[in-house]
Amino acid sequence: MKHSIIAAFVAFSSVTSAYSQKKVLLDEVVALALESGYDVRLSKNAWEAATTDNDFAVGGFLPQLNGAASTTWNNNNQKLEFQDASRNNSGKAESNNITAGVQLNWLLFDGARMFATRERLAEMERQGEINVKNQMVNTIAQVITNYYNIIQQKQQLKALEELMLLNEERVRLADRKLSVGAGIKQELLQAKLDLNAQRTQFINQQTAIEQLKNQLNVLVGMKLPALFEVSDSIEINLQITREEIAGNIESKNFLLQSIRQDMSVAHLQYRERFGEYFPTVSFGAAYNYSFTDNQKLINPFMALTNRSSGYNYGFTVGVPILNNFVTRRNVQQAQINFNRQNLLYDQQRAVINTSVHNAYVNYDNARKVLLIEEENILLAKENAMIAMESFKRGVSTFIEQRTAQQSLEDAYNRLINARYLAKVAETELLRLSGDLLK
């Protein structure tokens, strides 16, 4: 009776907890992760910075116009001596000087570097967008894996509840047989030991579920409710073919697309450096105004006021002749960097193609194992029921019944794990192909 009350309380607590918590669907969690997940937001922030740089890239083609104005008050003690001593003079001289001017500088030609710079900024903006999509795919994969891991642990908890009921029945039968003299105390003790072990496992399982929920909440930027529940089943697509995943992987995988953008950026950086070999042509113009008011003069030959204004303009040509081979070094370094990006792309392409192949092998094997384990669970359930009935009638030993029960527990563990691994393999395939974002 004591064990029955405990088992009923556990089942009632589980049901009550499930109904009191808000159930969140996978699509809702994914939407939250894409909107509020920290990794996605950081990636979007980097893209926004690249977009801002590209928006202002046109500034490299425009002239620079600067204005300046100043006013200065002078108060100086002066002493003037001439050949004619009668003209010598000394005292304090005071003046006020006002200047203003506008200067224009326009770089007309710099070896086409400004064009390469603008193209590079545009490529970096496109790369930022691709990186956001790549991060979205990775985040979705993390959310799916974590979400279904919670479901896996829930299914383990449910299976454990069912096994605890069987063990509770086994304890009652062993106690009854012992009370009528048809059993031995060892049977009862072993049944109680097994039941207590399952209770401990039940508590640990609840802790694991709570920890996984907290991890899922971090992935969505802590936007989930304090208490929430997930779905009960793991949905698996068992119809994925190798051709639909491996076809056009280079154009669908966002990481490869990002590395191709790195290659494009490196090529444009080479063009920028190569432009340093060429001369530069710039246009300059200025308008200046100056007014000096000599309020108190010591020198009789100086004007009381002096005002000047006017403009000037012209062209400047700069020809690089020798700069300690800095330009040659920069060009060669840019070429080396471009070659390195090509090698990185070839390397990553080989890695991803291998990952796709291995992921499909895992998916195919998980699919086969799942079909086997779904058949095994039916056999294990039937075997456990037969063993329990035989144990009730006294035609089998408690060891045979315990062995059948252990086989059922193992079958549950393998089936639930097979479902989860099949979902993980499916998710990895879709992540590599970029289809998760669809």
Protein backbone atom coordinates (compact mmCIF):
# COMPACT_ATOMS: atom_id res chain seq x y z
CA MET A 1 0.00 0.00 0.00
CA LYS A 2 2.85 2.36 0.86
CA HIS A 3 4.51 1.78 -2.51
CA SER A 4 1.18 2.26 -4.33
CA ILE A 5 0.65 5.62 -2.70
CA ILE A 6 4.15 6.76 -3.62
CA ALA A 7 3.79 5.69 -7.25
CA ALA A 8 0.38 7.34 -7.51
CA PHE A 9 1.76 10.53 -5.99
CA VAL A 10 4.63 10.57 -8.51
CA ALA A 11 2.25 10.08 -11.42
CA PHE A 12 -0.17 12.71 -10.09
CA SER A 13 2.66 15.20 -9.56
CA SER A 14 3.88 14.68 -13.10
CA VAL A 15 0.43 15.20 -14.58
CA THR A 16 -0.28 18.27 -12.41
CA SER A 17 3.08 19.81 -13.28
CA ALA A 18 2.51 19.25 -16.99
CA TYR A 19 -0.89 20.94 -16.91
CA SER A 20 0.30 23.89 -14.81
CA GLN A 21 3.13 24.79 -17.20
CA LYS A 22 2.77 26.51 -20.55
CA LYS A 23 3.62 24.26 -23.48
CA VAL A 24 5.94 25.84 -26.07
CA LEU A 25 6.19 24.37 -29.55
CA LEU A 26 9.42 23.97 -31.47
CA ASP A 27 8.46 26.63 -34.03
CA GLU A 28 7.87 29.13 -31.24
CA VAL A 29 11.25 28.41 -29.67
CA VAL A 30 13.03 28.71 -33.03
CA ALA A 31 11.33 32.04 -33.70
CA LEU A 32 12.42 33.33 -30.29
CA ALA A 33 15.98 32.14 -30.86
CA LEU A 34 16.22 33.90 -34.23
CA GLU A 35 14.80 37.09 -32.75
CA SER A 36 16.41 37.22 -29.32
CA GLY A 37 19.26 34.70 -29.31
CA TYR A 38 22.55 36.31 -28.34
CA ASP A 39 24.63 34.72 -31.11
CA VAL A 40 22.17 35.77 -33.82
CA ARG A 41 21.95 39.31 -32.46
CA LEU A 42 25.74 39.63 -32.35
CA SER A 43 25.95 38.39 -35.93
CA LYS A 44 23.30 40.89 -37.01
CA ASN A 45 25.22 43.62 -35.22
CA ALA A 46 28.36 42.81 -37.22
CA TRP A 47 26.30 42.85 -40.42
CA GLU A 48 24.86 46.23 -39.48
CA ALA A 49 28.38 47.60 -39.03
CA ALA A 50 29.41 46.32 -42.46
CA THR A 51 26.24 47.79 -44.00
CA THR A 52 27.01 51.17 -42.45
CA ASP A 53 30.53 51.13 -43.92
CA ASN A 54 29.15 50.30 -47.35
CA ASP A 55 26.46 53.00 -47.14
CA PHE A 56 29.16 55.63 -46.68
CA ALA A 57 31.58 54.13 -49.21
CA VAL A 58 30.56 56.78 -51.76
CA GLY A 59 32.40 59.27 -49.58
CA GLY A 60 35.67 58.01 -51.03
CA PHE A 61 34.74 59.57 -54.40
CA LEU A 62 33.76 62.98 -53.04
CA PRO A 63 36.01 65.97 -52.34
CA GLN A 64 36.91 67.14 -48.87
CA LEU A 65 35.85 70.66 -47.98
CA ASN A 66 37.11 72.30 -44.81
CA GLY A 67 36.55 75.75 -43.42
CA ALA A 68 38.55 77.61 -40.80
CA ALA A 69 38.27 80.99 -39.09
CA SER A 70 40.26 82.70 -36.37
CA THR A 71 40.70 86.03 -34.66
CA THR A 72 43.81 87.15 -32.80
CA TRP A 73 44.50 90.11 -30.55
CA ASN A 74 48.14 91.28 -30.34
CA ASN A 75 49.56 93.49 -27.60
CA ASN A 76 53.32 93.93 -27.94
CA ASN A 77 55.92 96.26 -26.50
CA GLN A 78 58.12 97.49 -29.36
CA LYS A 79 61.31 99.57 -29.63
CA LEU A 80 62.28 100.97 -33.05
CA GLU A 81 65.73 102.38 -33.82
CA PHE A 82 66.60 104.08 -37.13
CA GLN A 83 69.74 105.59 -38.60
CA ASP A 84 68.16 108.93 -38.02
CA ALA A 85 67.96 108.93 -34.24
CA SER A 86 65.23 111.55 -34.24
CA ARG A 87 62.84 108.97 -35.69
CA ASN A 88 63.42 106.37 -32.98
CA ASN A 89 60.31 105.36 -31.11
CA SER A 90 59.15 102.85 -28.52
CA GLY A 91 55.91 101.88 -26.79
CA LYS A 92 53.00 99.45 -26.94
CA ALA A 93 51.54 98.27 -30.29
CA GLU A 94 48.02 96.82 -30.41
CA SER A 95 46.27 95.07 -33.31
CA ASN A 96 43.43 92.68 -34.13
CA ASN A 97 43.76 90.08 -36.92
CA ILE A 98 40.80 88.17 -38.44
CA THR A 99 41.30 85.32 -40.92
CA ALA A 100 38.87 82.95 -42.62
CA GLY A 101 39.18 80.47 -45.41
CA VAL A 102 37.71 77.50 -47.22
CA GLN A 103 39.85 74.69 -48.67
CA LEU A 104 38.83 71.98 -51.12
CA ASN A 105 40.83 68.79 -51.79
CA TRP A 106 39.63 66.25 -54.35
CA LEU A 107 41.49 63.05 -55.12
CA LEU A 108 40.78 62.41 -58.80
CA PHE A 109 42.91 59.34 -59.45
CA ASP A 110 44.67 56.94 -57.06
CA GLY A 111 45.33 53.91 -59.22
CA ALA A 112 41.67 52.80 -59.04
CA ARG A 113 42.07 52.02 -55.35
CA MET A 114 38.88 53.90 -54.44
CA PHE A 115 36.85 51.66 -56.77
CA ALA A 116 38.37 48.51 -55.27
CA THR A 117 37.66 49.81 -51.77
CA ARG A 118 34.01 50.43 -52.57
CA GLU A 119 33.64 46.94 -54.07
CA ARG A 120 35.37 45.43 -51.03
CA LEU A 121 32.94 47.14 -48.64
CA ALA A 122 30.01 45.89 -50.70
CA GLU A 123 31.39 42.33 -50.57
CA MET A 124 31.85 42.61 -46.82
CA GLU A 125 28.22 43.67 -46.46
CA ARG A 126 27.11 40.63 -48.48
CA GLN A 127 29.37 38.46 -46.34
CA GLY A 128 27.76 39.90 -43.22
CA GLU A 129 24.35 38.82 -44.50
CA ILE A 130 25.64 35.33 -45.25
CA ASN A 131 27.21 35.09 -41.79
CA VAL A 132 23.86 35.99 -40.24
CA LYS A 133 22.19 33.18 -42.18
CA ASN A 134 24.96 30.78 -41.19
CA GLN A 135 24.53 31.71 -37.54
CA MET A 136 20.76 31.32 -37.87
CA VAL A 137 21.21 27.79 -39.23
CA ASN A 138 23.59 26.88 -36.40
CA THR A 139 21.25 28.38 -33.81
CA ILE A 140 18.25 26.51 -35.22
CA ALA A 141 20.26 23.26 -35.09
CA GLN A 142 21.20 23.95 -31.46
CA VAL A 143 17.59 24.70 -30.55
CA ILE A 144 16.27 21.56 -32.27
CA THR A 145 18.90 19.36 -30.64
CA ASN A 146 18.25 20.80 -27.20
CA TYR A 147 14.46 20.79 -27.59
CA TYR A 148 14.32 17.14 -28.64
CA ASN A 149 16.85 16.22 -25.97
CA ILE A 150 14.31 17.47 -23.43
CA ILE A 151 11.65 15.32 -25.12
CA GLN A 152 14.03 12.36 -25.01
CA GLN A 153 14.55 12.81 -21.28
CA LYS A 154 10.78 13.19 -20.81
CA GLN A 155 10.20 9.92 -22.61
CA GLN A 156 12.84 8.31 -20.42
CA LEU A 157 10.98 9.66 -17.39
CA LYS A 158 7.68 8.27 -18.65
CA ALA A 159 9.25 4.88 -19.33
CA LEU A 160 10.76 4.95 -15.86
CA GLU A 161 7.31 5.57 -14.35
CA GLU A 162 5.98 2.53 -16.19
CA LEU A 163 8.89 0.41 -14.98
CA MET A 164 8.34 1.62 -11.43
CA LEU A 165 4.75 0.40 -11.59
CA LEU A 166 6.00 -3.02 -12.69
CA ASN A 167 8.56 -3.05 -9.90
CA GLU A 168 5.93 -2.00 -7.41
CA GLU A 169 3.78 -4.95 -8.50
CA ARG A 170 6.83 -7.17 -8.13
CA VAL A 171 7.33 -5.94 -4.53
CA ARG A 172 3.68 -6.69 -3.69
CA LEU A 173 3.90 -10.16 -5.14
CA ALA A 174 7.15 -10.93 -3.36
CA ASP A 175 5.71 -9.65 -0.08
CA ARG A 176 2.55 -11.72 -0.52
CA LYS A 177 4.47 -14.88 -1.36
CA LEU A 178 6.71 -14.34 1.66
CA SER A 179 3.69 -13.85 3.95
CA VAL A 180 2.12 -17.16 2.87
CA GLY A 181 5.42 -19.01 3.03
CA ALA A 182 5.77 -19.51 -0.70
CA GLY A 183 8.64 -17.09 -1.22
CA ILE A 184 11.97 -16.08 0.23
CA LYS A 185 12.99 -12.80 1.79
CA GLN A 186 15.76 -12.31 -0.77
CA GLU A 187 13.11 -11.82 -3.48
CA LEU A 188 11.44 -9.05 -1.48
CA LEU A 189 14.70 -7.33 -0.63
CA GLN A 190 15.92 -7.38 -4.22
CA ALA A 191 12.58 -6.03 -5.49
CA LYS A 192 12.74 -3.17 -2.99
CA LEU A 193 16.35 -2.43 -3.93
CA ASP A 194 15.43 -2.23 -7.59
CA LEU A 195 12.46 0.03 -6.85
CA ASN A 196 14.57 2.41 -4.75
CA ALA A 197 17.20 2.54 -7.49
CA GLN A 198 14.48 3.55 -9.93
CA ARG A 199 13.24 6.26 -7.54
CA THR A 200 16.74 7.72 -7.41
CA GLN A 201 16.95 7.54 -11.18
CA PHE A 202 13.58 9.29 -11.39
CA ILE A 203 14.85 12.23 -9.33
CA ASN A 204 18.04 12.49 -11.38
CA GLN A 205 16.00 12.40 -14.55
CA GLN A 206 13.88 15.34 -13.40
CA THR A 207 17.06 17.29 -12.60
CA ALA A 208 18.46 16.61 -16.06
CA ILE A 209 15.25 17.85 -17.68
CA GLU A 210 15.35 21.06 -15.66
CA GLN A 211 18.97 21.71 -16.65
CA LEU A 212 18.19 21.17 -20.33
CA LYS A 213 15.29 23.61 -20.11
CA ASN A 214 17.62 26.23 -18.66
CA GLN A 215 20.06 25.66 -21.51
CA LEU A 216 17.24 26.08 -24.02
CA ASN A 217 16.21 29.34 -22.35
CA VAL A 218 19.75 30.69 -22.76
CA LEU A 219 19.62 29.93 -26.49
CA VAL A 220 16.52 32.13 -26.87
CA GLY A 221 17.88 35.03 -24.83
CA MET A 222 15.98 34.07 -21.63
CA LYS A 223 12.62 34.78 -23.30
CA LEU A 224 10.86 31.55 -22.28
CA PRO A 225 8.54 31.44 -19.26
CA ALA A 226 9.99 30.48 -15.89
CA LEU A 227 7.99 27.25 -16.08
CA PHE A 228 7.27 25.69 -19.45
CA GLU A 229 6.66 22.32 -21.04
CA VAL A 230 7.66 20.89 -24.41
CA SER A 231 5.98 18.45 -26.78
CA ASP A 232 5.86 14.73 -26.10
CA SER A 233 6.94 13.17 -29.39
CA ILE A 234 10.00 13.32 -31.66
CA GLU A 235 9.05 13.88 -35.29
CA ILE A 236 11.58 12.40 -37.72
CA ASN A 237 11.75 12.63 -41.49
CA LEU A 238 12.88 9.19 -42.63
CA GLN A 239 12.65 9.98 -46.36
CA ILE A 240 15.77 12.14 -46.88
CA THR A 241 17.92 10.98 -49.80
CA ARG A 242 21.64 11.47 -50.30
CA GLU A 243 21.09 13.25 -53.61
CA GLU A 244 18.89 16.04 -52.25
CA ILE A 245 21.46 16.79 -49.52
CA ALA A 246 24.72 16.45 -51.44
CA GLY A 247 23.48 18.21 -54.58
CA ASN A 248 24.77 21.79 -54.92
CA ILE A 249 26.22 21.72 -51.41
CA GLU A 250 28.72 24.45 -52.37
CA SER A 251 25.93 26.87 -53.23
CA LYS A 252 23.70 25.93 -50.27
CA ASN A 253 26.18 25.72 -47.40
CA PHE A 254 26.45 29.17 -45.83
CA LEU A 255 29.92 28.60 -44.38
CA LEU A 256 31.33 27.88 -47.85
CA GLN A 257 29.55 30.96 -49.18
CA SER A 258 31.15 33.06 -46.45
CA ILE A 259 34.62 31.75 -47.27
CA ARG A 260 34.05 32.54 -50.95
CA GLN A 261 33.30 36.10 -49.85
CA ASP A 262 36.62 36.07 -48.00
CA MET A 263 38.29 35.16 -51.29
CA SER A 264 36.56 38.03 -53.05
CA VAL A 265 37.53 40.48 -50.30
CA ALA A 266 41.16 39.29 -50.43
CA HIS A 267 41.23 39.81 -54.21
CA LEU A 268 39.93 43.36 -53.83
CA GLN A 269 42.50 44.04 -51.13
CA TYR A 270 45.16 42.96 -53.64
CA ARG A 271 43.74 45.45 -56.15
CA GLU A 272 43.91 48.19 -53.52
CA ARG A 273 47.55 47.43 -52.78
CA PHE A 274 48.47 47.17 -56.46
CA GLY A 275 47.02 50.63 -57.03
CA GLU A 276 49.82 52.04 -54.85
CA TYR A 277 52.19 51.60 -57.81
CA PHE A 278 50.34 54.27 -59.79
CA PRO A 279 50.63 58.07 -59.43
CA THR A 280 47.90 60.08 -57.76
CA VAL A 281 46.18 63.14 -59.21
CA SER A 282 44.30 65.57 -56.97
CA PHE A 283 42.65 68.93 -57.36
CA GLY A 284 42.90 71.63 -54.74
CA ALA A 285 41.28 75.04 -54.34
CA ALA A 286 41.01 77.58 -51.56
CA TYR A 287 39.48 80.93 -50.73
CA ASN A 288 41.09 83.03 -47.98
CA TYR A 289 40.18 86.26 -46.27
CA SER A 290 42.36 88.30 -43.87
CA PHE A 291 41.79 91.59 -42.09
CA THR A 292 44.23 93.28 -39.71
CA ASP A 293 43.29 96.32 -37.63
CA ASN A 294 46.36 98.05 -36.12
CA GLN A 295 44.66 99.95 -33.36
CA LYS A 296 47.87 101.46 -31.99
CA LEU A 297 51.07 101.77 -34.04
CA ILE A 298 54.64 102.45 -33.10
CA ASN A 299 56.08 102.14 -36.62
CA PRO A 300 54.82 105.11 -38.68
CA PHE A 301 55.40 103.22 -41.93
CA MET A 302 52.83 100.51 -41.18
CA ALA A 303 49.24 100.70 -42.43
CA LEU A 304 46.46 101.21 -39.95
CA THR A 305 44.37 98.45 -41.58
CA ASN A 306 45.28 95.63 -43.95
CA ARG A 307 42.64 93.58 -45.75
CA SER A 308 43.21 90.83 -48.31
CA SER A 309 40.98 88.21 -49.95
CA GLY A 310 41.23 85.89 -52.92
CA TYR A 311 41.20 82.33 -54.15
CA ASN A 312 43.62 79.84 -55.65
CA TYR A 313 43.35 76.45 -57.31
CA GLY A 314 45.51 73.88 -59.00
CA PHE A 315 46.36 70.23 -59.59
CA THR A 316 48.84 68.04 -57.77
CA VAL A 317 50.47 64.92 -59.16
CA GLY A 318 52.20 62.51 -56.80
CA VAL A 319 54.52 59.92 -58.33
CA PRO A 320 55.77 57.08 -56.11
CA ILE A 321 59.44 56.54 -56.86
CA LEU A 322 61.02 54.80 -53.90
CA ASN A 323 59.51 54.03 -50.48
CA ASN A 324 61.83 51.33 -49.16
CA PHE A 325 59.93 48.60 -51.06
CA VAL A 326 56.88 49.06 -48.82
CA THR A 327 54.49 48.98 -51.78
CA ARG A 328 56.06 45.83 -53.22
CA ARG A 329 55.88 44.13 -49.83
CA ASN A 330 52.22 45.11 -49.38
CA VAL A 331 51.30 43.79 -52.83
CA GLN A 332 53.06 40.48 -52.21
CA GLN A 333 51.43 40.11 -48.80
CA ALA A 334 48.02 40.75 -50.38
CA GLN A 335 48.73 38.08 -53.01
CA ILE A 336 49.78 35.62 -50.29
CA ASN A 337 46.59 36.33 -48.35
CA PHE A 338 44.49 35.75 -51.47
CA ASN A 339 46.24 32.39 -52.08
CA ARG A 340 45.65 31.49 -48.44
CA GLN A 341 41.92 32.16 -48.76
CA ASN A 342 41.81 29.84 -51.76
CA LEU A 343 43.50 27.10 -49.76
CA LEU A 344 41.10 27.64 -46.87
CA TYR A 345 38.16 27.32 -49.22
CA ASP A 346 39.47 24.07 -50.72
CA GLN A 347 40.13 22.73 -47.24
CA GLN A 348 36.70 23.67 -45.91
CA ARG A 349 34.98 22.30 -49.00
CA ALA A 350 36.67 18.94 -48.44
CA VAL A 351 35.74 19.01 -44.74
CA ILE A 352 32.08 19.83 -45.44
CA ASN A 353 31.76 17.23 -48.19
CA THR A 354 33.18 14.65 -45.78
CA SER A 355 30.84 15.88 -43.03
CA VAL A 356 27.85 15.54 -45.37
CA HIS A 357 28.88 11.98 -46.26
CA ASN A 358 29.39 11.00 -42.61
CA ALA A 359 26.18 12.73 -41.53
CA TYR A 360 24.18 10.79 -44.10
CA VAL A 361 25.79 7.52 -43.01
CA ASN A 362 24.82 8.32 -39.41
CA TYR A 363 21.31 9.24 -40.54
CA ASP A 364 20.87 6.07 -42.57
CA ASN A 365 22.20 3.87 -39.75
CA ALA A 366 20.03 5.64 -37.18
CA ARG A 367 17.02 5.11 -39.40
CA LYS A 368 17.72 1.36 -39.62
CA VAL A 369 18.38 1.04 -35.88
CA LEU A 370 15.15 2.89 -35.11
CA LEU A 371 13.09 0.42 -37.10
CA ILE A 372 14.73 -2.47 -35.26
CA GLU A 373 14.22 -0.91 -31.82
CA GLU A 374 10.55 -0.17 -32.55
CA GLU A 375 10.09 -3.90 -33.15
CA ASN A 376 12.17 -4.79 -30.08
CA ILE A 377 10.04 -2.69 -27.70
CA LEU A 378 6.93 -4.65 -28.69
CA LEU A 379 8.74 -7.92 -28.05
CA ALA A 380 10.14 -6.71 -24.72
CA LYS A 381 6.72 -5.51 -23.51
CA GLU A 382 5.09 -8.82 -24.37
CA ASN A 383 7.95 -10.71 -22.75
CA ALA A 384 7.69 -8.65 -19.55
CA MET A 385 3.92 -9.20 -19.32
CA ILE A 386 4.28 -12.94 -19.80
CA ALA A 387 7.05 -13.08 -17.18
CA MET A 388 4.88 -11.12 -14.72
CA GLU A 389 1.90 -13.44 -15.22
CA SER A 390 4.14 -16.49 -14.84
CA PHE A 391 5.61 -15.01 -11.68
CA LYS A 392 2.10 -14.43 -10.30
CA ARG A 393 1.17 -18.07 -10.93
CA GLY A 394 4.44 -19.26 -9.45
CA VAL A 395 5.67 -21.00 -12.59
CA SER A 396 8.76 -18.76 -12.93
CA THR A 397 11.37 -17.45 -10.55
CA PHE A 398 11.91 -13.82 -9.54
CA ILE A 399 15.23 -13.94 -11.40
CA GLU A 400 13.43 -14.72 -14.67
CA GLN A 401 10.90 -11.98 -14.01
CA ARG A 402 13.65 -9.49 -13.13
CA THR A 403 15.57 -10.41 -16.28
CA ALA A 404 12.49 -9.77 -18.44
CA GLN A 405 11.93 -6.46 -16.69
CA GLN A 406 15.55 -5.45 -17.23
CA SER A 407 15.20 -6.36 -20.90
CA LEU A 408 12.19 -4.07 -21.13
CA GLU A 409 14.12 -1.22 -19.50
CA ASP A 410 17.02 -1.69 -21.89
CA ALA A 411 14.63 -1.79 -24.85
CA TYR A 412 13.05 1.48 -23.74
CA ASN A 413 16.45 3.13 -23.38
CA ARG A 414 17.61 1.95 -26.79
CA LEU A 415 14.39 2.98 -28.53
CA ILE A 416 14.26 6.46 -27.01
CA ASN A 417 17.95 6.99 -27.71
CA ALA A 418 17.51 5.74 -31.28
CA ARG A 419 14.72 8.26 -31.89
CA TYR A 420 16.83 11.10 -30.57
CA LEU A 421 19.94 10.09 -32.53
CA ALA A 422 17.89 9.81 -35.71
CA LYS A 423 16.57 13.35 -35.15
CA VAL A 424 20.07 14.65 -34.44
CA ALA A 425 21.38 13.04 -37.63
CA GLU A 426 18.50 14.53 -39.63
CA THR A 427 19.15 17.98 -38.13
CA GLU A 428 22.86 17.82 -38.95
CA LEU A 429 22.10 16.95 -42.57
CA LEU A 430 19.73 19.90 -42.91
CA ARG A 431 22.22 22.20 -41.16
CA LEU A 432 25.02 21.32 -43.57
CA SER A 433 22.75 21.81 -46.57
CA GLY A 434 21.35 25.11 -45.26
CA ASP A 435 17.80 23.77 -45.49
CA LEU A 436 17.06 24.44 -41.82
CA LEU A 437 16.60 28.13 -42.61
CA LYS A 438 13.77 27.32 -45.02
